[in-house]
Amino acid sequence: MPRSNACCLVLLLLCGAVLLEMNPRMTVISAVACPQYCLDVDYMTRPSTGDEKLSPKCNCCLAPKGCTLHLADGTSVSCH
């Protein structure tokens, strides 16, 4: 009887090892939702390009990090 219990334990451990090997770690995927609106952007600047006026993007979600959106009303929005 003790031998059959030991065999069952070994079998259970092997099954667990096989199942863990199939998915060794969980992958966490994060998503960022972009707002579906466009600001009235005249042009965009980036620190790496200096004062060069770049093609505008609708909002900071679609623009590269660190850029500044210059709006048509004269204000600006910094994208972090």
Protein backbone atom coordinates (compact mmCIF):
# COMPACT_ATOMS: atom_id res chain seq x y z
CA MET A 1 0.00 0.00 0.00
CA PRO A 2 2.76 2.57 0.81
CA ARG A 3 4.34 1.85 -2.59
CA SER A 4 1.09 2.71 -4.45
CA ASN A 5 0.77 5.96 -2.48
CA ALA A 6 4.34 6.87 -3.43
CA CYS A 7 3.62 6.08 -7.09
CA CYS A 8 0.51 8.27 -7.01
CA LEU A 9 2.50 11.12 -5.46
CA VAL A 10 5.23 10.83 -8.09
CA LEU A 11 2.61 10.73 -10.86
CA LEU A 12 0.90 13.82 -9.46
CA LEU A 13 4.20 15.70 -9.26
CA LEU A 14 5.05 14.77 -12.85
CA CYS A 15 1.65 15.94 -14.08
CA GLY A 16 2.09 19.23 -12.22
CA ALA A 17 5.55 19.71 -13.69
CA VAL A 18 4.22 19.10 -17.20
CA LEU A 19 1.40 21.59 -16.69
CA LEU A 20 3.76 24.22 -15.29
CA GLU A 21 6.15 23.72 -18.21
CA MET A 22 3.35 24.48 -20.66
CA ASN A 23 2.88 27.95 -19.16
CA PRO A 24 5.98 28.79 -17.10
CA ARG A 25 4.97 32.37 -16.40
CA MET A 26 1.94 34.49 -16.97
CA THR A 27 2.37 37.37 -19.40
CA VAL A 28 0.82 40.64 -18.33
CA ILE A 29 -0.41 42.78 -21.19
CA SER A 30 -1.39 46.34 -20.55
CA ALA A 31 -3.37 48.50 -22.90
CA VAL A 32 -3.74 52.24 -23.10
CA ALA A 33 -6.95 53.68 -24.47
CA CYS A 34 -6.48 56.69 -26.72
CA PRO A 35 -9.15 59.37 -26.62
CA GLN A 36 -11.03 59.67 -29.90
CA TYR A 37 -10.84 63.45 -30.33
CA CYS A 38 -8.58 65.89 -32.12
CA LEU A 39 -7.34 69.13 -30.66
CA ASP A 40 -6.98 72.10 -32.98
CA VAL A 41 -3.19 71.60 -33.28
CA ASP A 42 -1.27 74.03 -35.48
CA TYR A 43 2.11 72.27 -35.21
CA MET A 44 4.20 70.07 -32.94
CA THR A 45 7.77 70.38 -31.59
CA ARG A 46 10.14 67.87 -30.01
CA PRO A 47 13.19 68.57 -27.83
CA SER A 48 15.39 66.59 -30.25
CA THR A 49 14.42 68.78 -33.23
CA GLY A 50 14.60 72.15 -31.45
CA ASP A 51 12.21 74.77 -32.83
CA GLU A 52 11.46 72.87 -36.04
CA LYS A 53 7.69 72.81 -36.67
CA LEU A 54 6.61 69.20 -37.17
CA SER A 55 3.38 67.80 -38.57
CA PRO A 56 0.73 67.93 -35.87
CA LYS A 57 -0.91 64.94 -34.19
CA CYS A 58 -4.49 64.99 -32.92
CA ASN A 59 -3.64 64.67 -29.21
CA CYS A 60 -0.87 63.57 -26.82
CA CYS A 61 -1.92 59.95 -27.01
CA LEU A 62 -0.93 59.86 -30.69
CA ALA A 63 2.14 62.11 -30.35
CA PRO A 64 5.59 60.97 -29.14
CA LYS A 65 6.40 61.41 -25.46
CA GLY A 66 8.17 64.65 -24.61
CA CYS A 67 6.75 66.65 -27.50
CA THR A 68 4.69 69.82 -27.30
CA LEU A 69 1.49 70.39 -29.24
CA HIS A 70 1.05 74.04 -30.21
CA LEU A 71 -2.62 74.83 -30.55
CA ALA A 72 -4.18 77.27 -33.01
CA ASP A 73 -5.31 79.57 -30.16
CA GLY A 74 -1.69 80.19 -29.11
CA THR A 75 -1.62 77.81 -26.12
CA SER A 76 0.44 74.65 -25.92
CA VAL A 77 0.09 71.18 -24.42
CA SER A 78 3.11 69.21 -23.18
CA CYS A 79 2.91 65.48 -23.79
CA HIS A 80 4.39 63.37 -21.00
